[in-house]
C-alpha atoms as a PDB file:
ATOM      1  CA  MET A   1      -6.305  20.189  -5.560  1.00  0.00           C
ATOM      2  CA  ILE A   2      -5.682  17.842  -8.469  1.00  0.00           C
ATOM      3  CA  TRP A   3      -3.365  14.880  -7.830  1.00  0.00           C
ATOM      4  CA  GLY A   4      -1.477  12.799 -10.334  1.00  0.00           C
ATOM      5  CA  VAL A   5      -1.029   9.271  -9.011  1.00  0.00           C
ATOM      6  CA  ILE A   6       1.419   6.752 -10.456  1.00  0.00           C
ATOM      7  CA  PRO A   7       1.953   3.268  -9.056  1.00  0.00           C
ATOM      8  CA  ALA A   8       5.426   1.960  -9.962  1.00  0.00           C
ATOM      9  CA  LYS A   9       7.287  -1.265  -9.262  1.00  0.00           C
ATOM     10  CA  ASP A  10      10.999  -1.365  -8.655  1.00  0.00           C
ATOM     11  CA  TYR A  11      12.720  -0.942 -12.006  1.00  0.00           C
ATOM     12  CA  ALA A  12      14.528  -4.270 -11.640  1.00  0.00           C
ATOM     13  CA  ARG A  13      11.199  -6.116 -11.213  1.00  0.00           C
ATOM     14  CA  GLY A  14       9.311  -4.287 -13.947  1.00  0.00           C
ATOM     15  CA  LYS A  15       8.664  -5.442 -17.482  1.00  0.00           C
ATOM     16  CA  SER A  16       9.271  -9.124 -16.678  1.00  0.00           C
ATOM     17  CA  ARG A  17       7.159 -10.243 -19.654  1.00  0.00           C
ATOM     18  CA  LEU A  18       9.816  -8.672 -21.898  1.00  0.00           C
ATOM     19  CA  ALA A  19      12.490 -11.105 -20.670  1.00  0.00           C
ATOM     20  CA  PRO A  20      12.452 -13.094 -23.943  1.00  0.00           C
ATOM     21  CA  VAL A  21      13.720 -10.049 -25.880  1.00  0.00           C
ATOM     22  CA  LEU A  22      15.440  -7.728 -23.370  1.00  0.00           C
ATOM     23  CA  THR A  23      18.176  -8.296 -20.808  1.00  0.00           C
ATOM     24  CA  VAL A  24      17.587  -7.517 -17.140  1.00  0.00           C
ATOM     25  CA  ASP A  25      19.520  -4.266 -17.509  1.00  0.00           C
ATOM     26  CA  GLN A  26      17.553  -3.249 -20.623  1.00  0.00           C
ATOM     27  CA  ARG A  27      14.259  -3.952 -18.838  1.00  0.00           C
ATOM     28  CA  ARG A  28      15.422  -1.915 -15.828  1.00  0.00           C
ATOM     29  CA  ARG A  29      16.422   1.014 -18.048  1.00  0.00           C
ATOM     30  CA  LEU A  30      13.181   0.753 -20.026  1.00  0.00           C
ATOM     31  CA  ALA A  31      11.026   0.738 -16.873  1.00  0.00           C
ATOM     32  CA  ARG A  32      12.890   3.782 -15.521  1.00  0.00           C
ATOM     33  CA  SER A  33      12.649   5.648 -18.826  1.00  0.00           C
ATOM     34  CA  LEU A  34       8.907   4.999 -19.078  1.00  0.00           C
ATOM     35  CA  PHE A  35       8.330   6.049 -15.461  1.00  0.00           C
ATOM     36  CA  LEU A  36      10.315   9.257 -15.866  1.00  0.00           C
ATOM     37  CA  HIS A  37       8.375  10.111 -19.035  1.00  0.00           C
ATOM     38  CA  VAL A  38       4.947   9.595 -17.449  1.00  0.00           C
ATOM     39  CA  ALA A  39       5.827  11.140 -14.085  1.00  0.00           C
ATOM     40  CA  GLY A  40       7.638  14.121 -15.588  1.00  0.00           C
ATOM     41  CA  LEU A  41       4.789  14.878 -17.969  1.00  0.00           C
ATOM     42  CA  THR A  42       2.105  14.418 -15.328  1.00  0.00           C
ATOM     43  CA  SER A  43       3.890  16.605 -12.787  1.00  0.00           C
ATOM     44  CA  THR A  44       3.603  19.579 -15.153  1.00  0.00           C
ATOM     45  CA  LEU A  45      -0.179  19.232 -15.470  1.00  0.00           C
ATOM     46  CA  VAL A  46      -1.412  18.575 -11.931  1.00  0.00           C
ATOM     47  CA  ASP A  47      -1.111  20.411  -8.629  1.00  0.00           C
ATOM     48  CA  ARG A  48       0.772  17.583  -6.935  1.00  0.00           C
ATOM     49  CA  LEU A  49       2.210  14.199  -7.928  1.00  0.00           C
ATOM     50  CA  ALA A  50       2.056  11.077  -5.741  1.00  0.00           C
ATOM     51  CA  VAL A  51       4.069   7.967  -6.546  1.00  0.00           C
ATOM     52  CA  LEU A  52       3.054   4.663  -5.000  1.00  0.00           C
ATOM     53  CA  THR A  53       6.042   2.342  -4.676  1.00  0.00           C
ATOM     54  CA  ASP A  54       8.048  -0.020  -2.503  1.00  0.00           C
ATOM     55  CA  SER A  55      11.246   0.794  -4.397  1.00  0.00           C
ATOM     56  CA  ALA A  56      14.057   3.011  -3.131  1.00  0.00           C
ATOM     57  CA  ALA A  57      15.163   3.695  -6.734  1.00  0.00           C
ATOM     58  CA  VAL A  58      11.676   4.754  -7.862  1.00  0.00           C
ATOM     59  CA  ALA A  59      11.240   6.810  -4.682  1.00  0.00           C
ATOM     60  CA  ALA A  60      14.533   8.636  -5.320  1.00  0.00           C
ATOM     61  CA  ASP A  61      13.467   9.546  -8.868  1.00  0.00           C
ATOM     62  CA  ALA A  62      10.020  10.574  -7.625  1.00  0.00           C
ATOM     63  CA  HIS A  63      11.524  12.842  -4.960  1.00  0.00           C
ATOM     64  CA  ARG A  64      13.714  14.500  -7.620  1.00  0.00           C
ATOM     65  CA  LEU A  65      10.478  15.339  -9.453  1.00  0.00           C
ATOM     66  CA  GLY A  66       8.999  16.832  -6.275  1.00  0.00           C
ATOM     67  CA  ALA A  67       6.519  13.996  -5.798  1.00  0.00           C
ATOM     68  CA  LEU A  68       5.013  12.740  -2.599  1.00  0.00           C
ATOM     69  CA  VAL A  69       6.081   9.108  -2.213  1.00  0.00           C
ATOM     70  CA  LEU A  70       3.588   6.772  -0.591  1.00  0.00           C
ATOM     71  CA  PRO A  71       4.855   3.286   0.227  1.00  0.00           C
ATOM     72  CA  ASP A  72       2.784   0.443  -1.120  1.00  0.00           C
ATOM     73  CA  ARG A  73       2.220  -1.882   1.787  1.00  0.00           C
ATOM     74  CA  ARG A  74      -0.073  -4.452   0.218  1.00  0.00           C
ATOM     75  CA  HIS A  75       0.154  -6.744  -2.771  1.00  0.00           C
ATOM     76  CA  GLY A  76      -1.859  -6.173  -5.901  1.00  0.00           C
ATOM     77  CA  LEU A  77      -2.288  -3.117  -8.073  1.00  0.00           C
ATOM     78  CA  GLY A  78      -5.864  -2.483  -6.934  1.00  0.00           C
ATOM     79  CA  ALA A  79      -4.936  -2.475  -3.253  1.00  0.00           C
ATOM     80  CA  VAL A  80      -1.915  -0.229  -3.865  1.00  0.00           C
ATOM     81  CA  VAL A  81      -3.952   2.310  -5.861  1.00  0.00           C
ATOM     82  CA  ASP A  82      -6.856   2.258  -3.408  1.00  0.00           C
ATOM     83  CA  ASP A  83      -4.526   2.793  -0.427  1.00  0.00           C
ATOM     84  CA  GLY A  84      -2.785   5.628  -2.258  1.00  0.00           C
ATOM     85  CA  LEU A  85      -6.018   7.380  -3.183  1.00  0.00           C
ATOM     86  CA  ALA A  86      -7.312   7.012   0.384  1.00  0.00           C
ATOM     87  CA  ALA A  87      -4.224   8.841   1.671  1.00  0.00           C
ATOM     88  CA  LEU A  88      -4.776  11.914  -0.497  1.00  0.00           C
ATOM     89  CA  ALA A  89      -6.799  14.998   0.354  1.00  0.00           C
ATOM     90  CA  GLY A  90      -8.003  17.013  -2.599  1.00  0.00           C
ATOM     91  CA  ASP A  91     -10.680  17.320  -5.228  1.00  0.00           C
ATOM     92  CA  ARG A  92      -9.689  14.857  -7.955  1.00  0.00           C
ATOM     93  CA  ALA A  93      -6.993  12.419  -8.940  1.00  0.00           C
ATOM     94  CA  LEU A  94      -5.593  11.213 -12.237  1.00  0.00           C
ATOM     95  CA  VAL A  95      -4.211   7.691 -11.884  1.00  0.00           C
ATOM     96  CA  LEU A  96      -1.787   6.680 -14.635  1.00  0.00           C
ATOM     97  CA  MET A  97       0.149   3.533 -15.291  1.00  0.00           C
ATOM     98  CA  ALA A  98       3.908   4.090 -15.463  1.00  0.00           C
ATOM     99  CA  ASP A  99       4.471   2.428 -18.859  1.00  0.00           C
ATOM    100  CA  LEU A 100       2.831   4.777 -21.356  1.00  0.00           C
ATOM    101  CA  PRO A 101       5.488   5.854 -23.894  1.00  0.00           C
ATOM    102  CA  GLN A 102       2.995   7.706 -26.098  1.00  0.00           C
ATOM    103  CA  ALA A 103       1.376   9.682 -23.280  1.00  0.00           C
ATOM    104  CA  SER A 104       1.128  13.319 -24.311  1.00  0.00           C
ATOM    105  CA  ALA A 105       0.271  16.584 -22.622  1.00  0.00           C
ATOM    106  CA  ALA A 106      -2.604  17.091 -25.068  1.00  0.00           C
ATOM    107  CA  GLU A 107      -4.256  13.788 -24.183  1.00  0.00           C
ATOM    108  CA  LEU A 108      -3.722  14.286 -20.466  1.00  0.00           C
ATOM    109  CA  ARG A 109      -5.259  17.775 -20.673  1.00  0.00           C
ATOM    110  CA  HIS A 110      -8.233  16.278 -22.524  1.00  0.00           C
ATOM    111  CA  LEU A 111      -8.742  13.732 -19.752  1.00  0.00           C
ATOM    112  CA  LEU A 112      -8.287  16.339 -17.008  1.00  0.00           C
ATOM    113  CA  ALA A 113     -11.008  18.447 -18.655  1.00  0.00           C
ATOM    114  CA  SER A 114     -13.603  15.680 -18.333  1.00  0.00           C
ATOM    115  CA  PRO A 115     -16.409  16.887 -16.062  1.00  0.00           C
ATOM    116  CA  THR A 116     -17.224  13.318 -15.020  1.00  0.00           C
ATOM    117  CA  PRO A 117     -15.173  10.392 -13.714  1.00  0.00           C
ATOM    118  CA  ALA A 118     -13.454   8.868 -16.740  1.00  0.00           C
ATOM    119  CA  VAL A 119     -11.403   5.846 -17.715  1.00  0.00           C
ATOM    120  CA  VAL A 120      -8.949   5.162 -20.541  1.00  0.00           C
ATOM    121  CA  GLY A 121      -8.544   1.506 -21.376  1.00  0.00           C
ATOM    122  CA  ASP A 122      -5.593  -0.210 -22.917  1.00  0.00           C
ATOM    123  CA  ARG A 123      -5.596  -0.763 -26.677  1.00  0.00           C
ATOM    124  CA  HIS A 124      -6.832  -4.333 -26.163  1.00  0.00           C
ATOM    125  CA  GLY A 125      -9.998  -3.086 -24.475  1.00  0.00           C
ATOM    126  CA  LEU A 126      -9.322  -5.043 -21.273  1.00  0.00           C
ATOM    127  CA  GLY A 127      -7.117  -3.159 -18.814  1.00  0.00           C
ATOM    128  CA  THR A 128      -7.149   0.364 -17.442  1.00  0.00           C
ATOM    129  CA  ASN A 129      -4.273   2.726 -18.250  1.00  0.00           C
ATOM    130  CA  ALA A 130      -5.724   5.946 -16.810  1.00  0.00           C
ATOM    131  CA  LEU A 131      -8.477   6.833 -14.374  1.00  0.00           C
ATOM    132  CA  TRP A 132      -9.857  10.314 -13.600  1.00  0.00           C
ATOM    133  CA  THR A 133     -11.762  10.223 -10.320  1.00  0.00           C
ATOM    134  CA  ALA A 134     -13.139  12.374  -7.549  1.00  0.00           C
ATOM    135  CA  LEU A 135     -11.604  12.278  -4.076  1.00  0.00           C
ATOM    136  CA  PRO A 136     -12.313  10.602  -1.816  1.00  0.00           C
ATOM    137  CA  ALA A 137     -12.422   7.728  -4.262  1.00  0.00           C
ATOM    138  CA  GLY A 138     -14.277   4.478  -3.935  1.00  0.00           C
ATOM    139  CA  PRO A 139     -12.577   1.165  -4.625  1.00  0.00           C
ATOM    140  CA  SER A 140     -10.921   0.957  -8.025  1.00  0.00           C
ATOM    141  CA  CYS A 141     -10.916  -2.063 -10.287  1.00  0.00           C
ATOM    142  CA  PHE A 142      -7.188  -2.029 -11.074  1.00  0.00           C
ATOM    143  CA  GLY A 143      -5.472  -5.376 -11.166  1.00  0.00           C
ATOM    144  CA  ASN A 144      -8.401  -7.255 -12.670  1.00  0.00           C
ATOM    145  CA  VAL A 145      -8.002  -8.698 -16.170  1.00  0.00           C
ATOM    146  CA  ASP A 146     -11.192  -6.905 -17.206  1.00  0.00           C
ATOM    147  CA  SER A 147     -10.635  -3.714 -15.215  1.00  0.00           C
ATOM    148  CA  LEU A 148     -11.852  -1.483 -18.055  1.00  0.00           C
ATOM    149  CA  GLN A 149     -15.279  -3.137 -18.099  1.00  0.00           C
ATOM    150  CA  ARG A 150     -15.442  -3.095 -14.319  1.00  0.00           C
ATOM    151  CA  HIS A 151     -14.664   0.644 -14.234  1.00  0.00           C
ATOM    152  CA  LEU A 152     -17.337   1.274 -16.869  1.00  0.00           C
ATOM    153  CA  HIS A 153     -19.828  -0.774 -14.848  1.00  0.00           C
ATOM    154  CA  ALA A 154     -18.890   1.325 -11.785  1.00  0.00           C
ATOM    155  CA  GLY A 155     -19.993   4.479 -13.636  1.00  0.00           C
ATOM    156  CA  PHE A 156     -16.834   5.811 -15.254  1.00  0.00           C
ATOM    157  CA  THR A 157     -17.144   7.293 -18.741  1.00  0.00           C
ATOM    158  CA  ARG A 158     -14.881   5.776 -21.387  1.00  0.00           C
ATOM    159  CA  VAL A 159     -12.538   8.218 -23.108  1.00  0.00           C
ATOM    160  CA  ASP A 160     -10.621   6.944 -26.119  1.00  0.00           C
ATOM    161  CA  LEU A 161      -7.121   8.417 -26.238  1.00  0.00           C
ATOM    162  CA  PRO A 162      -4.756   6.378 -28.443  1.00  0.00           C
ATOM    163  CA  GLY A 163      -1.530   7.575 -26.824  1.00  0.00           C
ATOM    164  CA  LEU A 164      -2.730   6.704 -23.332  1.00  0.00           C
ATOM    165  CA  ALA A 165      -4.092   3.389 -24.587  1.00  0.00           C
ATOM    166  CA  TRP A 166      -0.608   2.291 -25.668  1.00  0.00           C
ATOM    167  CA  ASP A 167       1.350   0.535 -22.932  1.00  0.00           C
ATOM    168  CA  VAL A 168       4.438  -1.653 -23.104  1.00  0.00           C
ATOM    169  CA  ASP A 169       3.792  -5.152 -21.772  1.00  0.00           C
ATOM    170  CA  GLU A 170       4.651  -7.760 -24.393  1.00  0.00           C
ATOM    171  CA  PRO A 171       7.609  -8.243 -26.775  1.00  0.00           C
ATOM    172  CA  GLN A 172       5.477  -7.268 -29.790  1.00  0.00           C
ATOM    173  CA  ASP A 173       4.849  -3.889 -28.142  1.00  0.00           C
ATOM    174  CA  LEU A 174       8.539  -3.119 -28.550  1.00  0.00           C
ATOM    175  CA  SER A 175       8.665  -3.963 -32.251  1.00  0.00           C
ATOM    176  CA  VAL A 176       6.020  -1.336 -32.899  1.00  0.00           C
ATOM    177  CA  GLU A 177       7.428   1.185 -30.411  1.00  0.00           C
ATOM    178  CA  GLU A 178      10.807   1.721 -32.075  1.00  0.00           C
ATOM    179  CA  ALA A 179      11.557   4.893 -30.111  1.00  0.00           C
ATOM    180  CA  VAL A 180      11.591   2.870 -26.907  1.00  0.00           C
ATOM    181  CA  LEU A 181      14.262   0.557 -28.291  1.00  0.00           C
ATOM    182  CA  GLU A 182      16.302   3.504 -29.554  1.00  0.00           C
ATOM    183  CA  ASP A 183      16.285   4.954 -26.023  1.00  0.00           C
ATOM    184  CA  LEU A 184      17.771   1.715 -24.720  1.00  0.00           C
ATOM    185  CA  GLU A 185      20.699   2.001 -27.131  1.00  0.00           C
ATOM    186  CA  GLY A 186      21.655   5.460 -25.844  1.00  0.00           C
END
């Protein structure tokens, strides 16, 4: 069994670094739109989807997609992902961040076809946006500033996928990602 795993904060708490350019409501709508894009796409490519969250709103959307919702009980992305992976029985898991507007089925299929554990870093070469791992999984390196390098040091193979490398964290990310802003207007 192949799992898709998506950790997701409550929409109202997400995208806080965008506060200088987006209202609270716009950030909430953006976070939800990004989550629904990533989760909806992933659910079509894996056997089962698991969403790791402490949010009733995220859990409700995840349930509508047929996902298993696992409550995150600890603080920190690494702890949340590790707890989630430990709760899953199966062969492999694809962990994806929930803020990947350019994620595509083609890139996800490419990553799922990797015969070895693989990692996709962010476009800055620091963070980790996607991780393809065997189950049971060892500790991940999520939540560290240099998580990409730590995953590589742990034996993951780097896969460069530009769509998966693009996440939305800073105000300048929105100026380049015009489609995201257009979604907020609608």
